[in-house]
Amino acid sequence: MLSKIVLIDPKTFYTIAYRFKLKLRRIMMKILISLFILFISQSVSAEGLKSEAETKAMSDKIMQHFIKEDFKTGLDIAKKYWPLPEVEIEGLGVTIKTQ
């Protein structure tokens, strides 16, 4: 038996593809931000912020910049606590910006 072939209007197809692309971008952004926060929390505690409250305050400050899509400033705040080389942090900033 052959199933019916359904043809979709090209405009509808592109609309669906665009929406899918936006959803995929949001998911990727959430994953990147989650990984970023995970790395920050690990490295900050290793680097030696004095209390959990200081760590939370710094994380909140970084996230406020990320919410405003000011990724460069947020990453600059994290650089002094992050154990990775600055080149990798800048690479992460470029990845976030392109997505």
N, C-alpha and C. Protein backbone atom coordinates (compact mmCIF):
# COMPACT_ATOMS: atom_id res chain seq x y z
N MET A 1 0.83 -1.18 0.00
CA MET A 1 0.00 0.00 0.00
C MET A 1 0.88 1.24 0.00
N LEU A 2 0.44 2.19 -0.73
CA LEU A 2 1.15 3.46 -0.78
C LEU A 2 0.44 4.46 0.13
N SER A 3 1.22 5.19 0.83
CA SER A 3 0.61 6.22 1.67
C SER A 3 0.49 7.50 0.85
N LYS A 4 -0.36 8.37 1.30
CA LYS A 4 -0.58 9.63 0.61
C LYS A 4 0.63 10.54 0.80
N ILE A 5 0.96 11.23 -0.23
CA ILE A 5 2.03 12.22 -0.16
C ILE A 5 1.37 13.57 0.04
N VAL A 6 1.82 14.26 1.08
CA VAL A 6 1.25 15.56 1.38
C VAL A 6 2.26 16.61 0.96
N LEU A 7 1.81 17.53 0.14
CA LEU A 7 2.67 18.62 -0.29
C LEU A 7 2.40 19.84 0.58
N ILE A 8 3.48 20.46 0.99
CA ILE A 8 3.37 21.64 1.84
C ILE A 8 3.77 22.85 1.01
N ASP A 9 3.03 23.88 1.19
CA ASP A 9 3.34 25.15 0.55
C ASP A 9 4.75 25.59 0.99
N PRO A 10 5.60 26.07 0.07
CA PRO A 10 6.96 26.47 0.45
C PRO A 10 7.01 27.52 1.56
N LYS A 11 6.07 28.44 1.55
CA LYS A 11 6.03 29.46 2.59
C LYS A 11 5.79 28.82 3.96
N THR A 12 4.88 27.86 4.01
CA THR A 12 4.60 27.14 5.24
C THR A 12 5.82 26.35 5.69
N PHE A 13 6.48 25.70 4.74
CA PHE A 13 7.67 24.93 5.06
C PHE A 13 8.74 25.82 5.67
N TYR A 14 8.99 26.97 5.07
CA TYR A 14 10.02 27.87 5.60
C TYR A 14 9.63 28.44 6.96
N THR A 15 8.35 28.66 7.17
CA THR A 15 7.89 29.14 8.47
C THR A 15 8.14 28.08 9.54
N ILE A 16 7.83 26.83 9.22
CA ILE A 16 8.06 25.73 10.16
C ILE A 16 9.55 25.57 10.42
N ALA A 17 10.35 25.63 9.36
CA ALA A 17 11.80 25.48 9.51
C ALA A 17 12.38 26.62 10.34
N TYR A 18 11.90 27.82 10.13
CA TYR A 18 12.38 28.98 10.89
C TYR A 18 12.04 28.83 12.37
N ARG A 19 10.81 28.41 12.66
CA ARG A 19 10.42 28.22 14.06
C ARG A 19 11.25 27.14 14.72
N PHE A 20 11.51 26.06 13.98
CA PHE A 20 12.35 24.99 14.51
C PHE A 20 13.76 25.51 14.79
N LYS A 21 14.28 26.32 13.89
CA LYS A 21 15.61 26.89 14.07
C LYS A 21 15.65 27.77 15.32
N LEU A 22 14.61 28.56 15.55
CA LEU A 22 14.56 29.41 16.74
C LEU A 22 14.51 28.57 18.02
N LYS A 23 13.70 27.50 18.00
CA LYS A 23 13.62 26.64 19.17
C LYS A 23 14.96 25.96 19.44
N LEU A 24 15.61 25.53 18.38
CA LEU A 24 16.92 24.89 18.52
C LEU A 24 17.95 25.88 19.07
N ARG A 25 17.88 27.12 18.62
CA ARG A 25 18.78 28.16 19.14
C ARG A 25 18.57 28.37 20.63
N ARG A 26 17.31 28.44 21.04
CA ARG A 26 17.01 28.64 22.46
C ARG A 26 17.54 27.48 23.30
N ILE A 27 17.36 26.28 22.80
CA ILE A 27 17.84 25.10 23.53
C ILE A 27 19.36 25.14 23.64
N MET A 28 20.03 25.45 22.54
CA MET A 28 21.49 25.52 22.55
C MET A 28 21.97 26.62 23.50
N MET A 29 21.29 27.75 23.50
CA MET A 29 21.67 28.85 24.38
C MET A 29 21.52 28.42 25.85
N LYS A 30 20.43 27.73 26.16
CA LYS A 30 20.21 27.27 27.53
C LYS A 30 21.30 26.29 27.94
N ILE A 31 21.68 25.41 27.02
CA ILE A 31 22.73 24.43 27.32
C ILE A 31 24.06 25.15 27.56
N LEU A 32 24.39 26.11 26.68
CA LEU A 32 25.65 26.84 26.84
C LEU A 32 25.69 27.63 28.14
N ILE A 33 24.59 28.29 28.47
CA ILE A 33 24.55 29.06 29.70
C ILE A 33 24.64 28.14 30.91
N SER A 34 23.97 26.99 30.85
CA SER A 34 24.05 26.03 31.96
C SER A 34 25.47 25.53 32.15
N LEU A 35 26.13 25.19 31.05
CA LEU A 35 27.52 24.75 31.15
C LEU A 35 28.41 25.86 31.68
N PHE A 36 28.16 27.06 31.22
CA PHE A 36 28.93 28.20 31.68
C PHE A 36 28.79 28.38 33.19
N ILE A 37 27.56 28.33 33.67
CA ILE A 37 27.32 28.49 35.10
C ILE A 37 27.95 27.34 35.89
N LEU A 38 27.89 26.14 35.33
CA LEU A 38 28.52 24.99 35.99
C LEU A 38 30.02 25.20 36.12
N PHE A 39 30.66 25.63 35.03
CA PHE A 39 32.10 25.87 35.08
C PHE A 39 32.43 27.00 36.04
N ILE A 40 31.63 28.05 36.01
CA ILE A 40 31.87 29.18 36.91
C ILE A 40 31.76 28.73 38.36
N SER A 41 30.72 27.99 38.67
CA SER A 41 30.53 27.58 40.06
C SER A 41 31.67 26.68 40.53
N GLN A 42 32.15 25.82 39.66
CA GLN A 42 33.26 24.95 40.02
C GLN A 42 34.55 25.74 40.20
N SER A 43 34.82 26.63 39.25
CA SER A 43 36.08 27.35 39.31
C SER A 43 36.08 28.43 40.39
N VAL A 44 34.96 29.04 40.64
CA VAL A 44 34.89 30.08 41.66
C VAL A 44 35.12 29.47 43.03
N SER A 45 34.51 28.35 43.28
CA SER A 45 34.72 27.73 44.59
C SER A 45 36.16 27.28 44.73
N ALA A 46 36.78 26.86 43.63
CA ALA A 46 38.18 26.45 43.68
C ALA A 46 39.09 27.67 43.83
N GLU A 47 38.72 28.78 43.21
CA GLU A 47 39.55 29.98 43.23
C GLU A 47 39.50 30.67 44.58
N GLY A 48 38.39 30.60 45.27
CA GLY A 48 38.37 31.09 46.62
C GLY A 48 37.51 32.30 46.92
N LEU A 49 36.32 32.39 46.36
CA LEU A 49 35.41 33.40 46.88
C LEU A 49 35.10 33.01 48.32
N LYS A 50 34.93 33.98 49.16
CA LYS A 50 34.88 33.73 50.59
C LYS A 50 33.61 33.05 51.08
N SER A 51 32.51 33.25 50.36
CA SER A 51 31.27 32.65 50.85
C SER A 51 30.37 32.27 49.68
N GLU A 52 29.38 31.51 50.02
CA GLU A 52 28.38 31.11 49.03
C GLU A 52 27.60 32.33 48.55
N ALA A 53 27.38 33.27 49.44
CA ALA A 53 26.64 34.49 49.08
C ALA A 53 27.40 35.30 48.03
N GLU A 54 28.73 35.39 48.17
CA GLU A 54 29.53 36.10 47.17
C GLU A 54 29.46 35.40 45.81
N THR A 55 29.52 34.08 45.85
CA THR A 55 29.45 33.30 44.62
C THR A 55 28.11 33.51 43.93
N LYS A 56 27.03 33.46 44.72
CA LYS A 56 25.69 33.66 44.15
C LYS A 56 25.55 35.07 43.59
N ALA A 57 26.08 36.07 44.30
CA ALA A 57 25.99 37.45 43.83
C ALA A 57 26.73 37.63 42.50
N MET A 58 27.91 37.01 42.40
CA MET A 58 28.67 37.11 41.15
C MET A 58 27.94 36.39 40.02
N SER A 59 27.40 35.22 40.29
CA SER A 59 26.65 34.48 39.27
C SER A 59 25.43 35.27 38.81
N ASP A 60 24.72 35.88 39.75
CA ASP A 60 23.56 36.70 39.39
C ASP A 60 23.97 37.89 38.53
N LYS A 61 25.09 38.49 38.87
CA LYS A 61 25.59 39.63 38.09
C LYS A 61 25.91 39.21 36.66
N ILE A 62 26.56 38.06 36.52
CA ILE A 62 26.89 37.54 35.19
C ILE A 62 25.61 37.24 34.41
N MET A 63 24.65 36.61 35.07
CA MET A 63 23.40 36.25 34.39
C MET A 63 22.61 37.49 33.97
N GLN A 64 22.67 38.55 34.75
CA GLN A 64 21.98 39.78 34.35
C GLN A 64 22.55 40.30 33.04
N HIS A 65 23.87 40.20 32.88
CA HIS A 65 24.48 40.62 31.62
C HIS A 65 24.08 39.68 30.49
N PHE A 66 23.98 38.37 30.78
CA PHE A 66 23.57 37.42 29.75
C PHE A 66 22.13 37.65 29.33
N ILE A 67 21.27 37.97 30.29
CA ILE A 67 19.86 38.24 29.97
C ILE A 67 19.75 39.45 29.05
N LYS A 68 20.60 40.46 29.29
CA LYS A 68 20.61 41.65 28.44
C LYS A 68 21.35 41.41 27.12
N GLU A 69 21.84 40.18 26.93
CA GLU A 69 22.63 39.78 25.77
C GLU A 69 23.93 40.58 25.67
N ASP A 70 24.46 40.96 26.82
CA ASP A 70 25.76 41.61 26.91
C ASP A 70 26.76 40.55 27.36
N PHE A 71 27.04 39.60 26.45
CA PHE A 71 27.85 38.44 26.80
C PHE A 71 29.29 38.81 27.10
N LYS A 72 29.81 39.80 26.40
CA LYS A 72 31.22 40.18 26.59
C LYS A 72 31.46 40.63 28.03
N THR A 73 30.60 41.47 28.55
CA THR A 73 30.76 41.96 29.93
C THR A 73 30.61 40.81 30.93
N GLY A 74 29.63 39.95 30.70
CA GLY A 74 29.44 38.80 31.59
C GLY A 74 30.65 37.89 31.62
N LEU A 75 31.22 37.64 30.44
CA LEU A 75 32.41 36.80 30.38
C LEU A 75 33.63 37.49 30.98
N ASP A 76 33.71 38.81 30.82
CA ASP A 76 34.83 39.55 31.41
C ASP A 76 34.81 39.45 32.94
N ILE A 77 33.63 39.46 33.52
CA ILE A 77 33.51 39.32 34.97
C ILE A 77 34.02 37.94 35.40
N ALA A 78 33.72 36.93 34.59
CA ALA A 78 34.09 35.56 34.94
C ALA A 78 35.56 35.24 34.71
N LYS A 79 36.23 36.00 33.86
CA LYS A 79 37.60 35.66 33.47
C LYS A 79 38.56 35.52 34.64
N LYS A 80 38.46 36.39 35.61
CA LYS A 80 39.44 36.33 36.70
C LYS A 80 39.25 35.12 37.60
N TYR A 81 38.08 34.50 37.56
CA TYR A 81 37.82 33.31 38.38
C TYR A 81 37.92 32.01 37.59
N TRP A 82 37.91 32.11 36.28
CA TRP A 82 37.86 30.93 35.44
C TRP A 82 39.27 30.36 35.27
N PRO A 83 39.47 29.06 35.51
CA PRO A 83 40.81 28.48 35.40
C PRO A 83 41.25 28.23 33.96
N LEU A 84 40.36 28.36 33.01
CA LEU A 84 40.71 28.13 31.61
C LEU A 84 41.42 29.34 31.02
N PRO A 85 42.18 29.13 29.96
CA PRO A 85 42.84 30.26 29.30
C PRO A 85 41.83 31.26 28.74
N GLU A 86 42.23 32.53 28.67
CA GLU A 86 41.34 33.58 28.18
C GLU A 86 40.87 33.31 26.75
N VAL A 87 41.73 32.66 25.96
CA VAL A 87 41.38 32.36 24.57
C VAL A 87 40.14 31.48 24.51
N GLU A 88 40.03 30.51 25.40
CA GLU A 88 38.86 29.64 25.41
C GLU A 88 37.60 30.40 25.83
N ILE A 89 37.76 31.31 26.76
CA ILE A 89 36.62 32.12 27.19
C ILE A 89 36.14 33.00 26.04
N GLU A 90 37.08 33.60 25.33
CA GLU A 90 36.72 34.43 24.18
C GLU A 90 36.07 33.58 23.09
N GLY A 91 36.56 32.35 22.92
CA GLY A 91 35.94 31.43 21.95
C GLY A 91 34.51 31.11 22.34
N LEU A 92 34.26 30.94 23.64
CA LEU A 92 32.91 30.69 24.12
C LEU A 92 32.02 31.90 23.82
N GLY A 93 32.59 33.11 24.01
CA GLY A 93 31.83 34.33 23.70
C GLY A 93 31.44 34.40 22.24
N VAL A 94 32.36 34.01 21.35
CA VAL A 94 32.07 34.02 19.91
C VAL A 94 31.01 32.98 19.60
N THR A 95 31.09 31.81 20.22
CA THR A 95 30.09 30.77 19.99
C THR A 95 28.72 31.23 20.43
N ILE A 96 28.64 31.85 21.59
CA ILE A 96 27.35 32.33 22.09
C ILE A 96 26.80 33.41 21.17
N LYS A 97 27.66 34.32 20.72
CA LYS A 97 27.21 35.42 19.87
C LYS A 97 26.69 34.92 18.52
N THR A 98 27.33 33.88 17.95
CA THR A 98 26.88 33.38 16.65
C THR A 98 25.58 32.60 16.76
N GLN A 99 25.26 32.10 17.95
CA GLN A 99 24.01 31.36 18.09
C GLN A 99 22.94 32.32 18.46
